[in-house]
PDB file of N, CA and C in Angstrom:
ATOM      1  N   UNK A   1     138.144  85.056 103.456  1.00  0.00           N
ATOM      2  CA  UNK A   1     137.808  84.316 104.694  1.00  0.00           C
ATOM      3  C   UNK A   1     136.955  85.236 105.601  1.00  0.00           C
ATOM      4  N   UNK A   2     137.308  86.498 105.703  1.00  0.00           N
ATOM      5  CA  UNK A   2     136.564  87.365 106.629  1.00  0.00           C
ATOM      6  C   UNK A   2     135.148  87.594 106.106  1.00  0.00           C
ATOM      7  N   UNK A   3     134.967  87.816 104.827  1.00  0.00           N
ATOM      8  CA  UNK A   3     133.651  87.992 104.237  1.00  0.00           C
ATOM      9  C   UNK A   3     132.797  86.753 104.415  1.00  0.00           C
ATOM     10  N   UNK A   4     133.408  85.590 104.311  1.00  0.00           N
ATOM     11  CA  UNK A   4     132.699  84.310 104.472  1.00  0.00           C
ATOM     12  C   UNK A   4     132.164  84.193 105.923  1.00  0.00           C
ATOM     13  N   UNK A   5     133.002  84.611 106.875  1.00  0.00           N
ATOM     14  CA  UNK A   5     132.562  84.581 108.293  1.00  0.00           C
ATOM     15  C   UNK A   5     131.425  85.541 108.556  1.00  0.00           C
ATOM     16  N   UNK A   6     131.493  86.697 107.951  1.00  0.00           N
ATOM     17  CA  UNK A   6     130.397  87.715 108.105  1.00  0.00           C
ATOM     18  C   UNK A   6     129.101  87.170 107.550  1.00  0.00           C
ATOM     19  N   UNK A   7     129.189  86.492 106.391  1.00  0.00           N
ATOM     20  CA  UNK A   7     127.955  85.950 105.757  1.00  0.00           C
ATOM     21  C   UNK A   7     127.367  84.835 106.643  1.00  0.00           C
ATOM     22  N   UNK A   8     128.217  84.004 107.224  1.00  0.00           N
ATOM     23  CA  UNK A   8     127.763  82.929 108.141  1.00  0.00           C
ATOM     24  C   UNK A   8     127.061  83.534 109.345  1.00  0.00           C
ATOM     25  N   UNK A   9     127.642  84.603 109.874  1.00  0.00           N
ATOM     26  CA  UNK A   9     127.028  85.212 111.051  1.00  0.00           C
ATOM     27  C   UNK A   9     125.660  85.830 110.656  1.00  0.00           C
ATOM     28  N   UNK A  10     125.602  86.508 109.568  1.00  0.00           N
ATOM     29  CA  UNK A  10     124.362  87.121 109.101  1.00  0.00           C
ATOM     30  C   UNK A  10     123.276  86.108 108.794  1.00  0.00           C
ATOM     31  N   UNK A  11     123.688  84.876 108.433  1.00  0.00           N
ATOM     32  CA  UNK A  11     122.752  83.857 108.137  1.00  0.00           C
ATOM     33  C   UNK A  11     122.274  83.031 109.340  1.00  0.00           C
ATOM     34  N   UNK A  12     122.909  83.228 110.454  1.00  0.00           N
ATOM     35  CA  UNK A  12     122.572  82.511 111.667  1.00  0.00           C
ATOM     36  C   UNK A  12     121.252  83.041 112.251  1.00  0.00           C
ATOM     37  N   UNK A  13     120.265  82.208 112.521  1.00  0.00           N
ATOM     38  CA  UNK A  13     119.035  82.693 113.135  1.00  0.00           C
ATOM     39  C   UNK A  13     119.228  83.290 114.509  1.00  0.00           C
ATOM     40  N   UNK A  14     120.172  82.733 115.245  1.00  0.00           N
ATOM     41  CA  UNK A  14     120.424  83.272 116.616  1.00  0.00           C
ATOM     42  C   UNK A  14     120.952  84.711 116.562  1.00  0.00           C
ATOM     43  N   UNK A  15     121.680  85.016 115.491  1.00  0.00           N
ATOM     44  CA  UNK A  15     122.139  86.403 115.309  1.00  0.00           C
ATOM     45  C   UNK A  15     120.952  87.328 115.125  1.00  0.00           C
ATOM     46  N   UNK A  16     120.042  86.939 114.349  1.00  0.00           N
ATOM     47  CA  UNK A  16     118.872  87.820 114.111  1.00  0.00           C
ATOM     48  C   UNK A  16     118.058  87.930 115.371  1.00  0.00           C
ATOM     49  N   UNK A  17     117.967  86.893 116.161  1.00  0.00           N
ATOM     50  CA  UNK A  17     117.275  86.939 117.459  1.00  0.00           C
ATOM     51  C   UNK A  17     118.010  87.912 118.405  1.00  0.00           C
ATOM     52  N   UNK A  18     119.354  87.826 118.430  1.00  0.00           N
ATOM     53  CA  UNK A  18     120.155  88.731 119.287  1.00  0.00           C
ATOM     54  C   UNK A  18     119.935  90.168 118.900  1.00  0.00           C
ATOM     55  N   UNK A  19     119.958  90.430 117.626  1.00  0.00           N
ATOM     56  CA  UNK A  19     119.766  91.829 117.130  1.00  0.00           C
ATOM     57  C   UNK A  19     118.429  92.335 117.512  1.00  0.00           C
ATOM     58  N   UNK A  20     117.396  91.498 117.370  1.00  0.00           N
ATOM     59  CA  UNK A  20     116.003  91.884 117.644  1.00  0.00           C
ATOM     60  C   UNK A  20     115.848  92.176 119.147  1.00  0.00           C
ATOM     61  N   UNK A  21     116.344  91.284 119.987  1.00  0.00           N
ATOM     62  CA  UNK A  21     116.175  91.463 121.442  1.00  0.00           C
ATOM     63  C   UNK A  21     116.976  92.673 121.933  1.00  0.00           C
ATOM     64  N   UNK A  22     118.186  92.786 121.436  1.00  0.00           N
ATOM     65  CA  UNK A  22     119.054  93.931 121.852  1.00  0.00           C
ATOM     66  C   UNK A  22     118.482  95.257 121.383  1.00  0.00           C
ATOM     67  N   UNK A  23     117.965  95.308 120.208  1.00  0.00           N
ATOM     68  CA  UNK A  23     117.388  96.544 119.699  1.00  0.00           C
ATOM     69  C   UNK A  23     116.134  96.927 120.470  1.00  0.00           C
ATOM     70  N   UNK A  24     115.289  95.949 120.718  1.00  0.00           N
ATOM     71  CA  UNK A  24     114.066  96.231 121.454  1.00  0.00           C
ATOM     72  C   UNK A  24     114.371  96.735 122.871  1.00  0.00           C
ATOM     73  N   UNK A  25     115.288  96.100 123.513  1.00  0.00           N
ATOM     74  CA  UNK A  25     115.688  96.488 124.860  1.00  0.00           C
ATOM     75  C   UNK A  25     116.276  97.878 124.878  1.00  0.00           C
ATOM     76  N   UNK A  26     117.179  98.150 123.912  1.00  0.00           N
ATOM     77  CA  UNK A  26     117.795  99.471 123.815  1.00  0.00           C
ATOM     78  C   UNK A  26     116.788 100.550 123.590  1.00  0.00           C
ATOM     79  N   UNK A  27     115.821 100.307 122.669  1.00  0.00           N
ATOM     80  CA  UNK A  27     114.793 101.320 122.426  1.00  0.00           C
ATOM     81  C   UNK A  27     113.874 101.559 123.577  1.00  0.00           C
ATOM     82  N   UNK A  28     113.591 100.474 124.317  1.00  0.00           N
ATOM     83  CA  UNK A  28     112.742 100.608 125.540  1.00  0.00           C
ATOM     84  C   UNK A  28     113.414 101.483 126.577  1.00  0.00           C
ATOM     85  N   UNK A  29     114.713 101.257 126.790  1.00  0.00           N
ATOM     86  CA  UNK A  29     115.437 102.093 127.728  1.00  0.00           C
ATOM     87  C   UNK A  29     115.561 103.527 127.258  1.00  0.00           C
ATOM     88  N   UNK A  30     115.738 103.688 125.902  1.00  0.00           N
ATOM     89  CA  UNK A  30     115.829 105.015 125.342  1.00  0.00           C
ATOM     90  C   UNK A  30     114.524 105.756 125.547  1.00  0.00           C
ATOM     91  N   UNK A  31     113.384 105.075 125.323  1.00  0.00           N
ATOM     92  CA  UNK A  31     112.098 105.681 125.542  1.00  0.00           C
ATOM     93  C   UNK A  31     111.866 106.081 126.966  1.00  0.00           C
ATOM     94  N   UNK A  32     112.266 105.250 127.900  1.00  0.00           N
ATOM     95  CA  UNK A  32     112.158 105.619 129.342  1.00  0.00           C
ATOM     96  C   UNK A  32     113.001 106.858 129.681  1.00  0.00           C
ATOM     97  N   UNK A  33     114.242 106.843 129.123  1.00  0.00           N
ATOM     98  CA  UNK A  33     115.126 107.985 129.408  1.00  0.00           C
ATOM     99  C   UNK A  33     114.562 109.293 128.801  1.00  0.00           C
ATOM    100  N   UNK A  34     114.068 109.198 127.598  1.00  0.00           N
ATOM    101  CA  UNK A  34     113.486 110.374 126.989  1.00  0.00           C
ATOM    102  C   UNK A  34     112.259 110.868 127.723  1.00  0.00           C
ATOM    103  N   UNK A  35     111.454 109.941 128.213  1.00  0.00           N
ATOM    104  CA  UNK A  35     110.241 110.292 128.991  1.00  0.00           C
ATOM    105  C   UNK A  35     110.632 111.066 130.256  1.00  0.00           C
ATOM    106  N   UNK A  36     111.614 110.576 130.952  1.00  0.00           N
ATOM    107  CA  UNK A  36     112.091 111.228 132.211  1.00  0.00           C
ATOM    108  C   UNK A  36     112.719 112.583 131.866  1.00  0.00           C
ATOM    109  N   UNK A  37     113.622 112.636 130.890  1.00  0.00           N
ATOM    110  CA  UNK A  37     114.336 113.825 130.594  1.00  0.00           C
ATOM    111  C   UNK A  37     113.408 114.897 130.049  1.00  0.00           C
ATOM    112  N   UNK A  38     112.614 114.568 129.043  1.00  0.00           N
ATOM    113  CA  UNK A  38     111.708 115.568 128.473  1.00  0.00           C
ATOM    114  C   UNK A  38     110.581 115.934 129.408  1.00  0.00           C
ATOM    115  N   UNK A  39     110.207 114.980 130.295  1.00  0.00           N
ATOM    116  CA  UNK A  39     109.244 115.347 131.324  1.00  0.00           C
ATOM    117  C   UNK A  39     109.752 116.413 132.241  1.00  0.00           C
ATOM    118  N   UNK A  40     111.004 116.304 132.569  1.00  0.00           N
ATOM    119  CA  UNK A  40     111.676 117.318 133.424  1.00  0.00           C
ATOM    120  C   UNK A  40     111.774 118.661 132.677  1.00  0.00           C
ATOM    121  N   UNK A  41     112.128 118.617 131.444  1.00  0.00           N
ATOM    122  CA  UNK A  41     112.245 119.828 130.657  1.00  0.00           C
ATOM    123  C   UNK A  41     110.871 120.509 130.505  1.00  0.00           C
ATOM    124  N   UNK A  42     109.830 119.692 130.282  1.00  0.00           N
ATOM    125  CA  UNK A  42     108.470 120.255 130.183  1.00  0.00           C
ATOM    126  C   UNK A  42     108.021 120.811 131.514  1.00  0.00           C
ATOM    127  N   UNK A  43     108.383 120.168 132.580  1.00  0.00           N
ATOM    128  CA  UNK A  43     108.063 120.687 133.935  1.00  0.00           C
ATOM    129  C   UNK A  43     108.734 122.040 134.134  1.00  0.00           C
ATOM    130  N   UNK A  44     109.984 122.152 133.696  1.00  0.00           N
ATOM    131  CA  UNK A  44     110.659 123.481 133.794  1.00  0.00           C
ATOM    132  C   UNK A  44     109.944 124.514 132.956  1.00  0.00           C
ATOM    133  N   UNK A  45     109.526 124.118 131.765  1.00  0.00           N
ATOM    134  CA  UNK A  45     108.900 125.065 130.853  1.00  0.00           C
ATOM    135  C   UNK A  45     107.520 125.515 131.300  1.00  0.00           C
ATOM    136  N   UNK A  46     106.715 124.585 131.847  1.00  0.00           N
ATOM    137  CA  UNK A  46     105.326 124.937 132.092  1.00  0.00           C
ATOM    138  C   UNK A  46     104.894 124.979 133.557  1.00  0.00           C
ATOM    139  N   UNK A  47     105.761 124.599 134.473  1.00  0.00           N
ATOM    140  CA  UNK A  47     105.382 124.639 135.866  1.00  0.00           C
ATOM    141  C   UNK A  47     106.566 125.073 136.754  1.00  0.00           C
ATOM    142  N   UNK A  48     107.072 126.222 136.453  1.00  0.00           N
ATOM    143  CA  UNK A  48     108.208 126.765 137.212  1.00  0.00           C
ATOM    144  C   UNK A  48     107.835 126.983 138.699  1.00  0.00           C
ATOM    145  N   UNK A  49     106.578 127.299 138.938  1.00  0.00           N
ATOM    146  CA  UNK A  49     106.148 127.572 140.326  1.00  0.00           C
ATOM    147  C   UNK A  49     106.358 126.346 141.203  1.00  0.00           C
ATOM    148  N   UNK A  50     105.998 125.170 140.666  1.00  0.00           N
ATOM    149  CA  UNK A  50     106.181 123.927 141.462  1.00  0.00           C
ATOM    150  C   UNK A  50     107.658 123.696 141.725  1.00  0.00           C
ATOM    151  N   UNK A  51     108.492 123.857 140.704  1.00  0.00           N
ATOM    152  CA  UNK A  51     109.933 123.606 140.913  1.00  0.00           C
ATOM    153  C   UNK A  51     110.514 124.652 141.865  1.00  0.00           C
ATOM    154  N   UNK A  52     109.937 125.825 141.979  1.00  0.00           N
ATOM    155  CA  UNK A  52     110.481 126.850 142.881  1.00  0.00           C
ATOM    156  C   UNK A  52     109.935 126.707 144.273  1.00  0.00           C
ATOM    157  N   UNK A  53     108.990 125.793 144.483  1.00  0.00           N
ATOM    158  CA  UNK A  53     108.429 125.572 145.794  1.00  0.00           C
ATOM    159  C   UNK A  53     109.427 124.923 146.735  1.00  0.00           C
ATOM    160  N   UNK A  54     109.554 125.452 147.931  1.00  0.00           N
ATOM    161  CA  UNK A  54     110.537 124.870 148.872  1.00  0.00           C
ATOM    162  C   UNK A  54     110.030 123.501 149.385  1.00  0.00           C
ATOM    163  N   UNK A  55     110.989 122.618 149.661  1.00  0.00           N
ATOM    164  CA  UNK A  55     110.652 121.296 150.151  1.00  0.00           C
ATOM    165  C   UNK A  55     110.383 121.271 151.648  1.00  0.00           C
ATOM    166  N   UNK A  56     110.836 122.205 152.335  1.00  0.00           N
ATOM    167  CA  UNK A  56     110.661 122.286 153.784  1.00  0.00           C
ATOM    168  C   UNK A  56     110.997 123.655 154.299  1.00  0.00           C
ATOM    169  N   UNK A  57     111.558 123.715 155.495  1.00  0.00           N
ATOM    170  CA  UNK A  57     111.872 125.023 156.075  1.00  0.00           C
ATOM    171  C   UNK A  57     113.211 125.569 155.545  1.00  0.00           C
ATOM    172  N   UNK A  58     113.966 124.752 154.864  1.00  0.00           N
ATOM    173  CA  UNK A  58     115.263 125.150 154.328  1.00  0.00           C
ATOM    174  C   UNK A  58     115.171 125.953 153.075  1.00  0.00           C
ATOM    175  N   UNK A  59     116.234 125.968 152.297  1.00  0.00           N
ATOM    176  CA  UNK A  59     116.297 126.696 151.051  1.00  0.00           C
ATOM    177  C   UNK A  59     116.166 125.847 149.831  1.00  0.00           C
ATOM    178  N   UNK A  60     116.106 124.519 149.953  1.00  0.00           N
ATOM    179  CA  UNK A  60     116.031 123.636 148.812  1.00  0.00           C
ATOM    180  C   UNK A  60     114.647 123.629 148.238  1.00  0.00           C
ATOM    181  N   UNK A  61     114.589 123.706 146.872  1.00  0.00           N
ATOM    182  CA  UNK A  61     113.320 123.629 146.161  1.00  0.00           C
ATOM    183  C   UNK A  61     113.139 122.270 145.502  1.00  0.00           C
ATOM    184  N   UNK A  62     111.941 122.013 145.015  1.00  0.00           N
ATOM    185  CA  UNK A  62     111.656 120.711 144.379  1.00  0.00           C
ATOM    186  C   UNK A  62     112.484 120.520 143.116  1.00  0.00           C
ATOM    187  N   UNK A  63     112.960 121.554 142.514  1.00  0.00           N
ATOM    188  CA  UNK A  63     113.771 121.423 141.311  1.00  0.00           C
ATOM    189  C   UNK A  63     115.017 120.632 141.548  1.00  0.00           C
ATOM    190  N   UNK A  64     115.664 120.804 142.690  1.00  0.00           N
ATOM    191  CA  UNK A  64     116.957 120.125 142.950  1.00  0.00           C
ATOM    192  C   UNK A  64     116.759 118.587 143.075  1.00  0.00           C
ATOM    193  N   UNK A  65     115.878 118.043 143.898  1.00  0.00           N
ATOM    194  CA  UNK A  65     115.767 116.579 143.980  1.00  0.00           C
ATOM    195  C   UNK A  65     115.230 115.965 142.659  1.00  0.00           C
ATOM    196  N   UNK A  66     114.380 116.696 141.977  1.00  0.00           N
ATOM    197  CA  UNK A  66     113.893 116.115 140.717  1.00  0.00           C
ATOM    198  C   UNK A  66     114.992 116.118 139.679  1.00  0.00           C
ATOM    199  N   UNK A  67     115.810 117.191 139.650  1.00  0.00           N
ATOM    200  CA  UNK A  67     116.963 117.196 138.712  1.00  0.00           C
ATOM    201  C   UNK A  67     117.971 116.096 139.097  1.00  0.00           C
ATOM    202  N   UNK A  68     118.189 115.918 140.351  1.00  0.00           N
ATOM    203  CA  UNK A  68     119.069 114.842 140.804  1.00  0.00           C
ATOM    204  C   UNK A  68     118.506 113.472 140.412  1.00  0.00           C
ATOM    205  N   UNK A  69     117.205 113.314 140.510  1.00  0.00           N
ATOM    206  CA  UNK A  69     116.597 112.057 140.096  1.00  0.00           C
ATOM    207  C   UNK A  69     116.873 111.783 138.618  1.00  0.00           C
ATOM    208  N   UNK A  70     116.771 112.795 137.786  1.00  0.00           N
ATOM    209  CA  UNK A  70     117.053 112.600 136.356  1.00  0.00           C
ATOM    210  C   UNK A  70     118.501 112.093 136.157  1.00  0.00           C
ATOM    211  N   UNK A  71     119.432 112.654 136.880  1.00  0.00           N
ATOM    212  CA  UNK A  71     120.822 112.248 136.745  1.00  0.00           C
ATOM    213  C   UNK A  71     120.995 110.806 137.238  1.00  0.00           C
ATOM    214  N   UNK A  72     120.452 110.458 138.405  1.00  0.00           N
ATOM    215  CA  UNK A  72     120.574 109.127 138.992  1.00  0.00           C
ATOM    216  C   UNK A  72     119.886 108.089 138.068  1.00  0.00           C
ATOM    217  N   UNK A  73     118.741 108.497 137.519  1.00  0.00           N
ATOM    218  CA  UNK A  73     117.973 107.614 136.606  1.00  0.00           C
ATOM    219  C   UNK A  73     118.805 107.278 135.383  1.00  0.00           C
ATOM    220  N   UNK A  74     119.537 108.265 134.864  1.00  0.00           N
ATOM    221  CA  UNK A  74     120.422 108.072 133.731  1.00  0.00           C
ATOM    222  C   UNK A  74     121.481 107.007 134.043  1.00  0.00           C
ATOM    223  N   UNK A  75     122.103 107.161 135.223  1.00  0.00           N
ATOM    224  CA  UNK A  75     123.123 106.215 135.623  1.00  0.00           C
ATOM    225  C   UNK A  75     122.528 104.817 135.806  1.00  0.00           C
ATOM    226  N   UNK A  76     121.340 104.731 136.415  1.00  0.00           N
ATOM    227  CA  UNK A  76     120.698 103.440 136.589  1.00  0.00           C
ATOM    228  C   UNK A  76     120.344 102.771 135.256  1.00  0.00           C
ATOM    229  N   UNK A  77     119.801 103.529 134.321  1.00  0.00           N
ATOM    230  CA  UNK A  77     119.474 102.976 133.025  1.00  0.00           C
ATOM    231  C   UNK A  77     120.727 102.456 132.309  1.00  0.00           C
ATOM    232  N   UNK A  78     121.821 103.212 132.394  1.00  0.00           N
ATOM    233  CA  UNK A  78     123.082 102.772 131.811  1.00  0.00           C
ATOM    234  C   UNK A  78     123.568 101.477 132.482  1.00  0.00           C
ATOM    235  N   UNK A  79     123.491 101.439 133.799  1.00  0.00           N
ATOM    236  CA  UNK A  79     123.896 100.239 134.535  1.00  0.00           C
ATOM    237  C   UNK A  79     123.045  99.019 134.180  1.00  0.00           C
ATOM    238  N   UNK A  80     121.719  99.232 133.992  1.00  0.00           N
ATOM    239  CA  UNK A  80     120.867  98.102 133.603  1.00  0.00           C
ATOM    240  C   UNK A  80     121.260  97.562 132.244  1.00  0.00           C
ATOM    241  N   UNK A  81     121.504  98.485 131.296  1.00  0.00           N
ATOM    242  CA  UNK A  81     121.882  98.026 129.969  1.00  0.00           C
ATOM    243  C   UNK A  81     123.243  97.290 129.986  1.00  0.00           C
ATOM    244  N   UNK A  82     124.205  97.861 130.720  1.00  0.00           N
ATOM    245  CA  UNK A  82     125.547  97.215 130.759  1.00  0.00           C
ATOM    246  C   UNK A  82     125.434  95.833 131.424  1.00  0.00           C
ATOM    247  N   UNK A  83     124.653  95.757 132.468  1.00  0.00           N
ATOM    248  CA  UNK A  83     124.537  94.452 133.134  1.00  0.00           C
ATOM    249  C   UNK A  83     123.913  93.406 132.248  1.00  0.00           C
ATOM    250  N   UNK A  84     122.838  93.763 131.520  1.00  0.00           N
ATOM    251  CA  UNK A  84     122.223  92.814 130.632  1.00  0.00           C
ATOM    252  C   UNK A  84     123.121  92.501 129.438  1.00  0.00           C
ATOM    253  N   UNK A  85     123.819  93.490 128.959  1.00  0.00           N
ATOM    254  CA  UNK A  85     124.773  93.263 127.825  1.00  0.00           C
ATOM    255  C   UNK A  85     125.879  92.306 128.263  1.00  0.00           C
ATOM    256  N   UNK A  86     126.405  92.526 129.436  1.00  0.00           N
ATOM    257  CA  UNK A  86     127.503  91.641 129.891  1.00  0.00           C
ATOM    258  C   UNK A  86     127.062  90.230 130.201  1.00  0.00           C
ATOM    259  N   UNK A  87     125.838  90.056 130.612  1.00  0.00           N
ATOM    260  CA  UNK A  87     125.347  88.713 130.931  1.00  0.00           C
ATOM    261  C   UNK A  87     124.717  88.010 129.730  1.00  0.00           C
ATOM    262  N   UNK A  88     123.696  88.583 129.155  1.00  0.00           N
ATOM    263  CA  UNK A  88     122.961  87.908 128.109  1.00  0.00           C
ATOM    264  C   UNK A  88     123.516  88.120 126.736  1.00  0.00           C
ATOM    265  N   UNK A  89     123.730  89.376 126.373  1.00  0.00           N
ATOM    266  CA  UNK A  89     124.135  89.678 124.992  1.00  0.00           C
ATOM    267  C   UNK A  89     125.532  89.151 124.675  1.00  0.00           C
ATOM    268  N   UNK A  90     126.479  89.275 125.608  1.00  0.00           N
ATOM    269  CA  UNK A  90     127.820  88.769 125.357  1.00  0.00           C
ATOM    270  C   UNK A  90     127.810  87.258 125.250  1.00  0.00           C
ATOM    271  N   UNK A  91     127.018  86.573 126.094  1.00  0.00           N
ATOM    272  CA  UNK A  91     126.938  85.117 126.010  1.00  0.00           C
ATOM    273  C   UNK A  91     126.379  84.674 124.654  1.00  0.00           C
ATOM    274  N   UNK A  92     125.319  85.337 124.225  1.00  0.00           N
ATOM    275  CA  UNK A  92     124.729  85.012 122.938  1.00  0.00           C
ATOM    276  C   UNK A  92     125.730  85.269 121.772  1.00  0.00           C
ATOM    277  N   UNK A  93     126.410  86.396 121.875  1.00  0.00           N
ATOM    278  CA  UNK A  93     127.416  86.728 120.861  1.00  0.00           C
ATOM    279  C   UNK A  93     128.545  85.717 120.770  1.00  0.00           C
ATOM    280  N   UNK A  94     129.014  85.268 121.967  1.00  0.00           N
ATOM    281  CA  UNK A  94     130.092  84.271 121.984  1.00  0.00           C
ATOM    282  C   UNK A  94     129.596  82.926 121.456  1.00  0.00           C
ATOM    283  N   UNK A  95     128.351  82.554 121.752  1.00  0.00           N
ATOM    284  CA  UNK A  95     127.767  81.308 121.269  1.00  0.00           C
ATOM    285  C   UNK A  95     127.669  81.363 119.753  1.00  0.00           C
ATOM    286  N   UNK A  96     127.239  82.443 119.223  1.00  0.00           N
ATOM    287  CA  UNK A  96     127.084  82.590 117.767  1.00  0.00           C
ATOM    288  C   UNK A  96     128.448  82.475 117.121  1.00  0.00           C
ATOM    289  N   UNK A  97     129.403  83.178 117.685  1.00  0.00           N
ATOM    290  CA  UNK A  97     130.767  83.188 117.129  1.00  0.00           C
ATOM    291  C   UNK A  97     131.373  81.765 117.160  1.00  0.00           C
ATOM    292  N   UNK A  98     131.173  81.058 118.282  1.00  0.00           N
ATOM    293  CA  UNK A  98     131.717  79.708 118.371  1.00  0.00           C
ATOM    294  C   UNK A  98     131.045  78.773 117.345  1.00  0.00           C
ATOM    295  N   UNK A  99     129.725  78.909 117.224  1.00  0.00           N
ATOM    296  CA  UNK A  99     129.004  78.056 116.278  1.00  0.00           C
ATOM    297  C   UNK A  99     129.382  78.319 114.835  1.00  0.00           C
ATOM    298  N   UNK A 100     129.618  79.530 114.514  1.00  0.00           N
ATOM    299  CA  UNK A 100     129.926  79.919 113.134  1.00  0.00           C
ATOM    300  C   UNK A 100     131.375  79.529 112.762  1.00  0.00           C
ATOM    301  N   UNK A 101     132.240  79.658 113.705  1.00  0.00           N
ATOM    302  CA  UNK A 101     133.700  79.311 113.437  1.00  0.00           C
ATOM    303  C   UNK A 101     133.942  77.846 113.428  1.00  0.00           C
ATOM    304  N   UNK A 102     133.010  77.046 113.977  1.00  0.00           N
ATOM    305  CA  UNK A 102     133.226  75.601 114.009  1.00  0.00           C
ATOM    306  C   UNK A 102     132.959  74.935 112.707  1.00  0.00           C
TER     307      UNK A 102
END
């Protein structure tokens, strides 16, 4: 019975659409995250002088807000994925499951 259900799900065109959309979205967010993270690492490696430059009259340098941006960006990207997964991907999954079990 379980194998039969799995085969029905794999044969459903909506399942293939869900996998395609979810994978594309996940890879897009992964690419953005890697761009931001590795951009920061490359900035550390090749432009230390900029990161050591003070932002004003205080003691904070540009490295701190840029590093904080990387952390906040990570949280935002995760939130964006979770929000879309909870709205669109879960609804599609439930619809596929209901259609296959009927």
